[in-house]
Protein backbone atom coordinates (compact mmCIF):
# COMPACT_ATOMS: atom_id res chain seq x y z
CA MET A 1 7.43 28.81 -7.67
CA HIS A 2 3.60 28.65 -7.92
CA GLY A 3 1.52 29.27 -4.91
CA ILE A 4 1.28 26.45 -2.39
CA MET A 5 -2.20 25.41 -1.36
CA ALA A 6 -3.55 23.34 1.57
CA ARG A 7 -6.63 21.29 2.06
CA GLY A 8 -8.39 18.91 4.36
CA GLY A 9 -8.79 15.19 3.75
CA GLY A 10 -11.59 12.68 3.36
CA PRO A 11 -12.84 9.96 5.70
CA LEU A 12 -11.63 6.46 5.95
CA VAL A 13 -13.21 4.30 3.27
CA ALA A 14 -13.91 0.55 3.05
CA ALA A 15 -10.89 -1.70 2.75
CA THR A 16 -9.89 -3.99 0.01
CA ALA A 17 -7.25 -6.58 0.76
CA ALA A 18 -3.96 -6.53 -1.17
CA VAL A 19 -1.13 -7.82 1.00
CA LEU A 20 1.93 -9.86 0.26
CA GLY A 21 3.27 -12.93 1.93
CA ALA A 22 6.13 -13.05 4.46
CA CYS A 23 9.68 -13.57 3.35
CA GLY A 24 12.38 -15.98 4.30
CA GLU A 25 16.11 -15.60 4.76
CA ASP A 26 17.79 -12.44 3.31
CA ARG A 27 20.98 -12.05 1.37
CA GLY A 28 23.60 -10.19 3.35
CA ALA A 29 21.23 -8.97 6.11
CA ARG A 30 19.24 -10.81 8.75
CA ASP A 31 15.47 -10.87 8.70
CA ASP A 32 14.94 -12.08 12.26
CA GLY A 33 14.88 -8.48 13.44
CA SER A 34 15.52 -6.55 16.53
CA GLY A 35 13.48 -4.82 16.31
CA PRO A 36 -3.75 17.16 2.46
CA THR A 37 -1.87 19.79 2.26
CA SER A 38 -1.30 19.40 -1.52
CA LEU A 39 1.46 20.67 -3.77
CA THR A 40 1.52 20.34 -7.56
CA SER A 41 4.43 21.42 -9.64
CA ILE A 42 6.13 22.15 -6.32
CA GLY A 43 3.41 24.57 -5.57
CA SER A 44 0.70 24.80 -8.25
CA SER A 45 -2.72 25.31 -6.81
CA ILE A 46 -4.83 22.18 -6.67
CA SER A 47 -8.34 21.09 -5.86
CA GLY A 48 -9.38 20.18 -2.37
CA GLY A 49 -9.37 16.78 -0.68
CA SER A 50 -12.89 16.68 0.89
CA GLU A 51 -15.14 13.66 0.88
CA ASP A 52 -16.29 14.16 -2.67
CA GLY A 53 -12.81 15.09 -3.97
CA THR A 54 -13.44 18.82 -3.95
CA GLY A 55 -12.79 21.10 -1.11
CA GLU A 56 -11.92 24.59 -0.02
CA SER A 57 -8.22 25.46 -0.24
CA GLN A 58 -6.15 27.82 1.77
CA GLU A 59 -2.55 28.80 1.77
CA ALA A 60 -0.15 26.55 3.59
CA GLY A 61 2.58 27.82 5.80
CA THR A 62 6.12 28.09 4.54
CA HIS A 63 9.35 26.92 6.11
CA GLU A 64 12.40 29.11 6.12
CA ASP A 65 15.00 27.24 8.22
CA THR A 66 18.47 26.97 6.83
CA VAL A 67 19.16 23.61 5.13
CA ALA A 68 22.34 21.91 5.95
CA ASP A 69 23.96 19.49 3.53
CA ASP A 70 25.87 17.17 5.80
CA ASP A 71 26.50 13.45 5.63
CA GLY A 72 26.28 11.19 8.64
CA LEU A 73 22.97 12.74 9.75
CA VAL A 74 21.44 12.06 13.14
CA LEU A 75 17.76 12.82 12.96
CA ASP A 76 15.71 14.59 15.60
CA VAL A 77 12.09 14.57 14.70
CA GLY A 78 9.05 15.86 16.57
CA ALA A 79 8.28 18.82 18.72
CA ALA A 80 6.58 17.74 21.96
CA THR A 81 3.96 19.91 23.61
CA ALA A 82 3.89 20.60 27.39
CA ALA A 83 2.80 17.81 29.75
CA SER A 84 -0.77 17.86 30.86
CA ALA A 85 -1.82 19.47 34.11
CA GLU A 86 -2.15 15.94 35.59
CA GLY A 87 1.58 15.32 34.88
CA GLY A 88 0.97 12.99 31.88
CA ASP A 89 3.47 12.30 29.20
CA PRO A 90 4.06 15.09 26.65
CA ALA A 91 1.99 14.91 23.47
CA GLY A 92 3.56 14.65 20.04
CA CYS A 93 5.55 11.97 18.24
CA LYS A 94 8.83 10.58 19.49
CA LYS A 95 9.37 8.23 16.50
CA VAL A 96 9.07 8.57 12.74
CA ASP A 97 9.00 5.77 10.08
CA PHE A 98 9.96 7.03 6.58
CA LEU A 99 9.01 4.81 3.64
CA PHE A 100 10.39 5.79 0.14
CA VAL A 101 8.49 4.08 -2.72
CA ILE A 102 10.80 4.57 -5.74
CA ASP A 103 9.81 3.78 -9.36
CA ASN A 104 12.58 1.63 -10.92
CA SER A 105 11.30 1.62 -14.47
CA GLY A 106 13.41 2.63 -17.49
CA SER A 107 12.74 6.39 -17.35
CA MET A 108 13.56 7.01 -13.66
CA SER A 109 17.33 7.26 -13.37
CA ASP A 110 17.48 11.09 -13.36
CA GLU A 111 14.64 11.29 -10.83
CA GLN A 112 16.41 8.86 -8.52
CA ASP A 113 19.53 11.11 -8.72
CA ASN A 114 17.42 14.17 -7.84
CA LEU A 115 15.90 12.37 -4.85
CA ILE A 116 19.32 11.30 -3.58
CA SER A 117 20.76 14.76 -3.88
CA SER A 118 17.76 16.27 -2.00
CA PHE A 119 17.73 13.71 0.78
CA PRO A 120 20.60 15.23 2.99
CA GLY A 121 18.94 18.64 2.95
CA PHE A 122 15.55 17.17 3.74
CA MET A 123 16.81 15.27 6.81
CA ALA A 124 19.02 18.18 8.00
CA THR A 125 15.95 20.47 7.83
CA ILE A 126 13.89 17.96 9.86
CA GLN A 127 16.75 17.89 12.40
CA GLU A 128 16.92 21.67 12.67
CA THR A 129 13.09 22.15 12.73
CA LEU A 130 11.89 19.35 14.96
CA THR A 131 13.58 18.40 18.17
CA ASP A 132 12.15 15.58 20.26
CA ALA A 133 11.81 12.32 18.24
CA GLN A 134 15.27 10.98 17.69
CA ASP A 135 14.10 7.40 16.92
CA TYR A 136 13.61 6.86 13.22
CA HIS A 137 13.43 4.18 10.54
CA VAL A 138 14.09 4.84 6.89
CA MET A 139 13.20 2.12 4.31
CA VAL A 140 13.29 2.00 0.46
CA VAL A 141 11.10 -0.14 -1.81
CA ASP A 142 10.94 -0.23 -5.56
CA THR A 143 8.01 -0.92 -7.90
CA ASP A 144 8.98 -4.20 -9.43
CA ALA A 145 10.22 -7.30 -7.60
CA GLU A 146 12.43 -8.50 -10.48
CA TRP A 147 15.98 -8.62 -9.10
CA GLY A 148 18.91 -8.49 -11.49
CA GLY A 149 16.92 -8.93 -14.73
CA ASP A 150 17.88 -12.06 -16.67
CA CYS A 151 21.13 -12.61 -14.80
CA ALA A 152 20.00 -15.64 -12.95
CA VAL A 153 19.69 -17.36 -16.28
CA LEU A 154 22.55 -15.77 -18.11
CA CYS A 155 25.07 -16.68 -15.40
CA GLY A 156 24.93 -20.37 -16.50
CA PHE A 157 25.79 -19.45 -20.16
CA PHE A 158 28.66 -17.02 -19.62
CA GLY A 159 31.08 -18.71 -17.25
CA ASN A 160 29.23 -17.83 -14.09
CA THR A 161 29.12 -14.10 -14.96
CA CYS A 162 26.28 -11.89 -16.18
CA PRO A 163 27.14 -9.78 -19.26
CA ASP A 164 24.26 -7.39 -18.47
CA ILE A 165 25.39 -6.71 -14.87
CA PRO A 166 29.02 -7.78 -14.29
CA THR A 167 28.65 -7.29 -10.58
CA TYR A 168 25.70 -9.70 -10.32
CA PRO A 169 26.59 -12.36 -7.65
CA CYS A 170 26.29 -15.36 -9.87
CA ALA A 171 28.35 -17.56 -7.54
CA GLU A 172 25.87 -16.95 -4.67
CA GLY A 173 22.99 -18.45 -6.58
CA ALA A 174 19.38 -17.18 -6.78
CA PRO A 175 18.34 -13.97 -4.94
CA SER A 176 16.90 -14.37 -1.45
CA MET A 177 13.15 -14.47 -1.02
CA CYS A 178 13.11 -10.90 0.24
CA ASP A 179 15.30 -9.64 -2.63
CA SER A 180 12.56 -10.69 -5.07
CA THR A 181 9.48 -9.80 -2.96
CA LEU A 182 7.52 -6.66 -3.93
CA GLY A 183 7.34 -4.41 -0.94
CA ALA A 184 10.34 -5.81 0.87
CA GLY A 185 12.87 -3.23 1.96
CA VAL A 186 15.70 -2.74 -0.54
CA ASN A 187 19.23 -3.22 0.81
CA TYR A 188 20.83 -4.76 -2.37
CA PRO A 189 19.72 -2.85 -5.46
CA MET A 190 20.50 -4.91 -8.55
CA GLY A 191 19.97 -4.00 -12.22
CA GLY A 192 20.81 -1.46 -14.82
CA ASP A 193 21.71 1.98 -13.40
CA ALA A 194 21.40 0.53 -9.89
CA THR A 195 24.00 0.58 -7.10
CA ASN A 196 24.63 -3.13 -7.63
CA GLN A 197 26.02 -3.68 -4.21
CA LEU A 198 24.95 -4.76 -0.72
CA CYS A 199 24.08 -1.78 1.50
CA PRO A 200 25.27 -2.85 4.94
CA PHE A 201 22.76 -1.08 7.17
CA ALA A 202 23.90 -0.72 10.75
CA SER A 203 20.46 -2.00 11.91
CA GLY A 204 21.06 -5.38 10.40
CA MET A 205 17.64 -5.11 8.87
CA ARG A 206 16.28 -4.10 5.48
CA TYR A 207 15.89 -0.48 6.61
CA MET A 208 18.06 2.23 8.24
CA ASP A 209 17.64 3.52 11.76
CA ALA A 210 19.26 6.03 14.19
CA THR A 211 22.34 3.82 14.62
CA GLU A 212 23.37 4.46 10.94
CA PRO A 213 26.76 6.21 11.08
CA ASN A 214 26.26 7.84 7.62
CA LEU A 215 22.59 8.02 6.72
CA SER A 216 23.06 9.96 3.52
CA ALA A 217 25.54 7.40 2.08
CA SER A 218 23.40 4.47 3.12
CA PHE A 219 20.26 6.07 1.57
CA GLN A 220 22.19 6.74 -1.63
CA CYS A 221 23.18 3.09 -1.78
CA ALA A 222 19.57 1.93 -1.38
CA ALA A 223 17.73 4.56 -3.29
CA LYS A 224 19.57 4.00 -6.54
CA VAL A 225 17.25 1.20 -7.43
CA GLY A 226 17.96 1.31 -11.17
CA SER A 227 15.95 1.24 -14.30
CA ASP A 228 15.19 -2.41 -15.11
CA GLY A 229 11.74 -2.50 -13.53
CA ASP A 230 8.60 -3.31 -15.47
CA GLY A 231 6.95 -0.41 -17.31
CA ASP A 232 3.64 -1.35 -15.75
CA GLU A 233 4.73 -0.12 -12.37
CA LYS A 234 3.12 -1.44 -9.18
CA GLN A 235 3.62 1.57 -6.94
CA MET A 236 0.59 0.88 -4.80
CA SER A 237 1.14 -2.86 -4.42
CA ALA A 238 4.70 -2.12 -3.32
CA MET A 239 3.48 0.46 -0.75
CA VAL A 240 0.66 -1.68 0.64
CA GLY A 241 2.97 -4.73 0.76
CA ALA A 242 5.68 -2.84 2.57
CA LEU A 243 3.21 -1.86 5.32
CA SER A 244 1.32 -5.11 5.41
CA ALA A 245 1.13 -7.43 8.51
CA GLU A 246 2.49 -10.22 6.42
CA LEU A 247 5.80 -8.44 5.75
CA SER A 248 5.97 -6.90 9.22
CA GLN A 249 5.54 -9.97 11.36
CA PRO A 250 8.44 -11.57 13.22
CA GLY A 251 10.85 -13.27 10.81
CA ALA A 252 9.42 -11.50 7.73
CA CYS A 253 11.30 -9.11 5.40
CA ASN A 254 10.28 -5.83 7.04
CA GLU A 255 9.99 -6.95 10.64
CA GLY A 256 9.99 -4.05 13.00
CA PHE A 257 9.82 -1.30 10.42
CA ILE A 258 6.32 0.03 11.07
CA ARG A 259 5.70 0.97 14.70
CA PRO A 260 2.27 1.84 16.27
CA ASP A 261 3.77 4.71 18.31
CA ALA A 262 5.45 6.40 15.35
CA ILE A 263 4.10 8.70 12.64
CA LEU A 264 4.46 7.32 9.13
CA VAL A 265 5.93 9.49 6.36
CA VAL A 266 5.50 7.98 2.85
CA VAL A 267 7.42 9.48 -0.12
CA LEU A 268 6.21 8.28 -3.54
CA ILE A 269 8.34 9.11 -6.51
CA THR A 270 7.17 8.03 -10.00
CA ASP A 271 6.66 9.38 -13.43
CA GLU A 272 3.79 7.14 -14.44
CA GLU A 273 0.34 6.21 -13.46
CA ASP A 274 -0.09 2.93 -11.48
CA ASN A 275 -1.20 0.50 -14.22
CA GLY A 276 0.01 -2.74 -12.53
CA SER A 277 -1.41 -2.83 -9.04
CA THR A 278 -4.70 -4.50 -8.26
CA GLY A 279 -7.40 -2.55 -6.51
CA LEU A 280 -8.57 1.08 -6.44
CA PRO A 281 -7.48 4.19 -4.56
CA GLU A 282 -10.13 3.66 -1.86
CA GLY A 283 -8.80 0.21 -1.15
CA TRP A 284 -5.15 1.35 -1.17
CA PHE A 285 -6.02 4.11 1.25
CA ALA A 286 -7.77 1.78 3.65
CA ASN A 287 -4.81 -0.69 3.56
CA VAL A 288 -2.24 1.99 4.28
CA THR A 289 -4.32 3.61 7.04
CA ALA A 290 -4.82 0.14 8.52
CA SER A 291 -1.06 -0.03 9.20
CA LYS A 292 -1.64 2.87 11.60
CA GLY A 293 -4.67 1.39 13.30
CA GLY A 294 -7.05 3.30 10.92
CA ASP A 295 -5.66 6.68 11.97
CA ALA A 296 -4.99 8.56 8.69
CA SER A 297 -3.91 11.65 10.70
CA ALA A 298 -0.82 9.72 11.74
CA ILE A 299 0.39 9.59 8.14
CA VAL A 300 2.11 12.12 5.94
CA MET A 301 1.76 11.21 2.24
CA LEU A 302 4.22 12.93 -0.03
CA GLY A 303 3.87 12.40 -3.83
CA LEU A 304 6.31 13.37 -6.49
CA VAL A 305 4.21 12.54 -9.55
CA ASN A 306 3.43 13.89 -13.04
CA ASP A 307 1.81 17.30 -12.83
CA THR A 308 -0.50 17.09 -15.84
CA ASP A 309 -3.37 18.61 -13.71
CA ALA A 310 -1.40 21.77 -12.90
CA PRO A 311 -2.31 25.17 -14.41
CA GLN A 312 1.34 25.41 -15.63
CA PRO A 313 2.68 21.80 -15.79
CA ILE A 314 6.42 21.23 -15.84
CA CYS A 315 6.17 17.68 -17.19
CA PRO A 316 5.90 17.17 -21.00
CA ALA A 317 2.41 17.36 -22.46
CA GLU A 318 2.47 13.68 -23.31
CA SER A 319 3.18 12.64 -19.69
CA ASP A 320 0.93 9.95 -18.35
CA ASP A 321 -1.81 11.53 -16.20
CA PRO A 322 -1.69 9.78 -12.77
CA VAL A 323 -5.38 9.99 -11.96
CA LYS A 324 -5.43 7.08 -9.56
CA LEU A 325 -2.26 8.10 -7.78
CA ARG A 326 -3.45 11.67 -7.45
CA THR A 327 -6.79 10.51 -6.05
CA PHE A 328 -5.06 8.28 -3.58
CA ILE A 329 -2.63 10.90 -2.32
CA ASP A 330 -5.35 13.55 -1.91
CA MET A 331 -7.38 11.24 0.32
CA PHE A 332 -4.91 11.77 3.18
CA PRO A 333 -5.53 14.75 5.49
CA ASN A 334 -1.78 15.37 5.58
CA SER A 335 -0.47 15.22 2.08
CA ILE A 336 1.59 17.13 -0.49
CA ARG A 337 1.86 16.54 -4.21
CA GLY A 338 4.85 17.86 -6.21
CA SER A 339 6.12 17.61 -9.75
CA VAL A 340 8.47 14.74 -10.45
CA CYS A 341 9.68 16.81 -13.39
CA GLU A 342 11.25 19.59 -11.20
CA PRO A 343 15.00 19.85 -11.68
CA ASN A 344 15.52 19.34 -7.98
CA TYR A 345 13.17 18.51 -5.02
CA ASN A 346 14.58 20.84 -2.37
CA GLY A 347 11.57 23.10 -2.36
CA PHE A 348 9.21 20.24 -2.20
CA PHE A 349 10.96 18.76 0.88
CA GLU A 350 11.17 22.05 2.64
CA GLN A 351 7.39 22.32 2.47
CA ALA A 352 7.15 18.70 3.60
CA VAL A 353 9.12 19.38 6.79
CA ALA A 354 6.48 21.93 7.96
CA LEU A 355 3.71 19.33 7.37
CA ILE A 356 5.65 16.68 9.15
CA ASP A 357 6.24 19.04 12.08
CA THR A 358 2.50 19.78 12.45
CA THR A 359 1.55 16.08 12.08
CA CYS A 360 4.15 15.16 14.75
CA ASP A 361 2.86 17.87 17.16
CA ASP A 362 -0.76 16.66 16.80
CA PHE A 363 0.11 12.95 17.15
CA GLU A 364 -1.22 11.04 20.06
CA PRO A 365 0.42 7.60 20.35
CA PRO A 366 -2.04 4.79 20.93
CA GLY A 367 -2.48 3.58 24.51
């Protein structure tokens, strides 16, 4: 493993708008609701994240807790500090919102499997390391809103079945608005190499929460988003849309997911540059931080991307250089980059837990 390096982040920059519309009724789940540290090649040294994109680096701490590999996880996140002398509430986070932005283009099946296999250990390490915030949300979004490929058309020509995806629900008609909305939480992955089944989250929403009886199994169902997505991935449009006011408002697809009194942990996993989203890194940064009231320090940005900038890259030499994604990730004061080409992501997530712990400790909920 190469040396892990840390850095500070840049200031908030001017916003550009890129948000998606609200969604209607969902298939199989209600939408009414109830609710830079930086790492490359899982540890290659990287440049800093100061205002001009260069900054002084220093070694980040390591995390040595034992990683369990249990299903049915119950998450405890956040170490609270002592109450103030005046008897005020303890500082630190009590809630965490996890957003996984997963590339569903044709080259991503193995990477999705790596993510799924690393997820139980990631959550178990968080549970062992952090203690106070037991209220969590976990949502998956993909990078292309196309749902089921051409099945909606093919059903009518093949006796109400889809030869490409035999499990496609032809009899139920077109997908719901949220199934085909970029940035809406995935609870029914549909396509080649996808789960192709409804994931019945206990929350009744398009994301998992602390009531989930088997978090690992539910995440596996949702995170296997398949490989039928467009090759011009829209990673940033999906991320911005998922956190937008339009998709978060009452009755919308992601109602209740993002909470002002929670820290936000975003995990981006992709093997390509973003060539499909509108806007630039500065605008994406401003839109994502807007979801936390402009407080970038309340966000942990974790990017598993191509490591073409690393001194000893793991990804093939012909890999697409994710310049825009790298710039975006490095803008956040609490961020880690790792190589999407690693054979597993356990080391990446062990480092991520330490950063989440620190972010949680430093968090001051609004109000």
